[in-house]
Amino acid sequence: MSADALKLLCSGTKLERDRGLQEIQRYLSCAKSADIRSLEATLLGILEDPTSPWESKLGGLLGIKALVVHLRSAQHLCDKDLPEKIARASLELLSHPEVRLRLEAGQVLGVLCANEGVKIYEKCCSRLFELIESSLEREISEAGSPVQDVHREEEQEMSSAARILLNTAGWRHLETNIKCLVCT
């Protein structure tokens, strides 16, 4: 496989990532099993590398999703631990600050569940529910406490947009976590 396809797939621009994805899909249609295993390892390496920028991880997720779809349709034999490795990497990315990455991780989990069945869902659902629950939890301080009085004064000084952002910050992952649950 050409390094150019991976470079495009992990690019910072959506257009180049889309072109890279098309090249990966073309490559998968004619690749041998050994080549596919090499691609699996490369894409998982991108997802698991803590120094990879979010754009590279997004490209890795797009490539993994294409790989899972291809493996289902082509009936290639893959590493028996591959679905669990993909699920683990995707679950890690569900708490990433970048929304596009969280959404794509949910899509990958959905495709994986469609491919592998209930066993992947059973392994993922407890973590998904934990993420949803933590998104719903809000700190509630006692009325009239000094901390709350300070917060009230600060909120009055903020613009309405800043106040809305502050009030919704605890909910920022809830939507993507629920979408992920729906996908799986």
Protein backbone atom coordinates (compact mmCIF):
# COMPACT_ATOMS: atom_id res chain seq x y z
CA MET A 1 0.00 0.00 0.00
CA SER A 2 1.22 3.44 -0.74
CA ALA A 3 2.25 5.71 2.09
CA ASP A 4 0.48 8.49 0.19
CA ALA A 5 -2.91 6.92 0.88
CA LEU A 6 -2.20 6.84 4.62
CA LYS A 7 -0.84 10.37 4.49
CA LEU A 8 -4.04 11.55 2.80
CA LEU A 9 -6.19 9.55 5.23
CA CYS A 10 -4.51 11.23 8.20
CA SER A 11 -4.51 14.70 6.67
CA GLY A 12 -5.75 17.81 8.40
CA THR A 13 -8.32 18.57 5.69
CA LYS A 14 -11.54 16.66 5.13
CA LEU A 15 -11.15 16.63 1.36
CA GLU A 16 -7.78 14.89 1.58
CA ARG A 17 -9.09 12.44 4.21
CA ASP A 18 -11.96 11.57 1.86
CA ARG A 19 -9.51 10.97 -0.99
CA GLY A 20 -7.35 8.85 1.30
CA LEU A 21 -10.39 6.81 2.33
CA GLN A 22 -11.24 6.16 -1.33
CA GLU A 23 -7.68 4.97 -1.95
CA ILE A 24 -7.82 2.69 1.11
CA GLN A 25 -11.12 1.21 -0.10
CA ARG A 26 -9.62 0.57 -3.56
CA TYR A 27 -6.57 -0.98 -1.94
CA LEU A 28 -8.69 -3.27 0.23
CA SER A 29 -10.61 -4.57 -2.78
CA CYS A 30 -7.46 -6.14 -4.25
CA ALA A 31 -5.20 -6.63 -1.21
CA LYS A 32 -3.90 -9.98 0.01
CA SER A 33 -4.45 -11.19 3.58
CA ALA A 34 -0.88 -10.31 4.65
CA ASP A 35 -1.31 -6.78 3.29
CA ILE A 36 -4.59 -6.39 5.15
CA ARG A 37 -2.96 -7.50 8.42
CA SER A 38 -0.25 -4.91 7.87
CA LEU A 39 -2.89 -2.22 7.32
CA GLU A 40 -4.71 -3.36 10.49
CA ALA A 41 -1.53 -2.92 12.52
CA THR A 42 -0.76 0.47 11.00
CA LEU A 43 -4.24 1.86 11.61
CA LEU A 44 -4.41 0.53 15.17
CA GLY A 45 -0.98 2.04 15.79
CA ILE A 46 -2.29 5.45 14.74
CA LEU A 47 -5.28 5.13 17.08
CA GLU A 48 -3.22 3.96 20.04
CA ASP A 49 -0.41 6.50 19.65
CA PRO A 50 -0.96 9.22 22.27
CA THR A 51 1.10 11.70 20.22
CA SER A 52 -1.08 11.39 17.09
CA PRO A 53 -3.09 14.55 16.39
CA TRP A 54 -6.86 14.20 16.30
CA GLU A 55 -6.89 14.47 12.50
CA SER A 56 -4.66 11.39 12.22
CA LYS A 57 -6.82 9.51 14.70
CA LEU A 58 -9.91 10.48 12.69
CA GLY A 59 -8.26 9.12 9.56
CA GLY A 60 -7.34 5.97 11.47
CA LEU A 61 -10.97 5.51 12.52
CA LEU A 62 -12.16 6.04 8.94
CA GLY A 63 -9.66 3.45 7.73
CA ILE A 64 -10.61 0.98 10.48
CA LYS A 65 -14.30 1.38 9.61
CA ALA A 66 -13.56 0.68 5.93
CA LEU A 67 -11.47 -2.31 6.99
CA VAL A 68 -14.24 -3.77 9.18
CA VAL A 69 -16.79 -3.35 6.36
CA HIS A 70 -14.38 -4.99 3.92
CA LEU A 71 -13.64 -7.91 6.25
CA ARG A 72 -17.37 -8.55 6.63
CA SER A 73 -18.04 -8.53 2.89
CA ALA A 74 -14.87 -10.32 1.75
CA GLN A 75 -14.85 -12.97 4.49
CA HIS A 76 -11.12 -12.49 5.08
CA LEU A 77 -9.65 -14.18 8.09
CA CYS A 78 -8.34 -11.59 10.49
CA ASP A 79 -6.66 -11.62 13.85
CA LYS A 80 -9.23 -13.07 16.25
CA ASP A 81 -8.46 -10.29 18.73
CA LEU A 82 -8.90 -7.52 16.15
CA PRO A 83 -12.53 -6.67 17.03
CA GLU A 84 -11.63 -6.31 20.72
CA LYS A 85 -8.59 -4.19 19.89
CA ILE A 86 -10.70 -1.92 17.68
CA ALA A 87 -13.42 -1.67 20.33
CA ARG A 88 -10.88 -0.80 23.03
CA ALA A 89 -9.28 1.92 20.90
CA SER A 90 -12.68 3.33 19.91
CA LEU A 91 -13.93 3.37 23.50
CA GLU A 92 -10.82 5.32 24.53
CA LEU A 93 -11.56 7.94 21.89
CA LEU A 94 -15.14 8.46 23.10
CA SER A 95 -13.81 10.77 25.79
CA HIS A 96 -11.61 12.81 23.43
CA PRO A 97 -12.35 16.57 23.38
CA GLU A 98 -12.82 16.63 19.57
CA VAL A 99 -16.46 15.97 18.71
CA ARG A 100 -15.72 14.62 15.21
CA LEU A 101 -13.44 12.01 16.72
CA ARG A 102 -16.05 10.95 19.27
CA LEU A 103 -18.73 10.65 16.59
CA GLU A 104 -16.52 8.57 14.31
CA ALA A 105 -15.49 6.32 17.22
CA GLY A 106 -19.21 5.70 17.81
CA GLN A 107 -19.68 4.90 14.12
CA VAL A 108 -16.80 2.41 14.24
CA LEU A 109 -18.33 0.71 17.28
CA GLY A 110 -21.66 0.53 15.45
CA VAL A 111 -20.11 -1.10 12.37
CA LEU A 112 -18.17 -3.45 14.61
CA CYS A 113 -21.35 -4.46 16.46
CA ALA A 114 -23.13 -5.03 13.15
CA ASN A 115 -20.23 -7.20 12.05
CA GLU A 116 -19.50 -9.11 15.25
CA GLY A 117 -22.88 -9.14 16.94
CA VAL A 118 -23.92 -8.83 20.55
CA LYS A 119 -20.56 -9.82 22.08
CA ILE A 120 -19.01 -6.45 21.17
CA TYR A 121 -22.04 -4.56 22.45
CA GLU A 122 -21.87 -6.44 25.75
CA LYS A 123 -18.21 -5.47 26.13
CA CYS A 124 -18.88 -1.81 25.30
CA CYS A 125 -22.23 -1.03 26.90
CA SER A 126 -21.02 -0.65 30.49
CA ARG A 127 -18.40 1.91 29.42
CA LEU A 128 -20.96 3.76 27.28
CA PHE A 129 -23.38 3.94 30.20
CA GLU A 130 -20.56 5.19 32.47
CA LEU A 131 -19.78 7.97 29.99
CA ILE A 132 -23.44 8.93 29.69
CA GLU A 133 -23.90 8.89 33.46
CA SER A 134 -20.81 11.03 34.04
CA SER A 135 -22.10 13.51 31.45
CA LEU A 136 -25.40 13.76 33.29
CA GLU A 137 -23.88 14.29 36.72
CA ARG A 138 -23.69 17.91 37.78
CA GLU A 139 -22.18 19.36 40.89
CA ILE A 140 -24.91 20.81 43.02
CA SER A 141 -23.69 23.05 45.78
CA GLU A 142 -25.87 24.03 48.70
CA ALA A 143 -27.96 27.15 48.27
CA GLY A 144 -26.52 30.18 49.98
CA SER A 145 -23.03 28.76 50.35
CA PRO A 146 -20.13 31.18 49.80
CA VAL A 147 -19.05 29.21 46.73
CA GLN A 148 -22.45 29.63 45.10
CA ASP A 149 -22.57 33.34 45.93
CA VAL A 150 -19.20 33.85 44.21
CA HIS A 151 -20.44 31.91 41.18
CA ARG A 152 -23.56 34.09 41.00
CA GLU A 153 -21.50 37.27 40.99
CA GLU A 154 -19.19 35.88 38.29
CA GLU A 155 -22.15 34.78 36.15
CA GLN A 156 -23.72 38.23 36.34
CA GLU A 157 -20.50 39.75 34.97
CA MET A 158 -20.30 37.30 32.05
CA SER A 159 -21.90 37.84 28.70
CA SER A 160 -24.90 35.70 27.88
CA ALA A 161 -22.90 33.55 25.41
CA ALA A 162 -20.22 32.86 28.00
CA ARG A 163 -22.89 32.02 30.57
CA ILE A 164 -24.54 29.55 28.17
CA LEU A 165 -21.18 27.93 27.49
CA LEU A 166 -20.45 27.62 31.20
CA ASN A 167 -23.88 26.16 31.94
CA THR A 168 -23.62 23.55 29.17
CA ALA A 169 -19.96 22.56 29.61
CA GLY A 170 -20.90 19.53 31.69
CA TRP A 171 -23.08 18.22 28.88
CA ARG A 172 -20.60 18.44 26.01
CA HIS A 173 -20.03 14.70 25.65
CA LEU A 174 -23.57 13.57 26.42
CA GLU A 175 -24.89 13.93 22.88
CA THR A 176 -22.02 12.04 21.27
CA ASN A 177 -22.14 9.28 23.90
CA ILE A 178 -25.85 8.77 23.32
CA LYS A 179 -25.31 8.76 19.54
CA CYS A 180 -22.64 6.11 20.04
CA LEU A 181 -25.05 4.02 22.10
CA VAL A 182 -27.65 4.32 19.33
CA CYS A 183 -25.09 3.22 16.71
CA THR A 184 -24.17 0.12 18.67
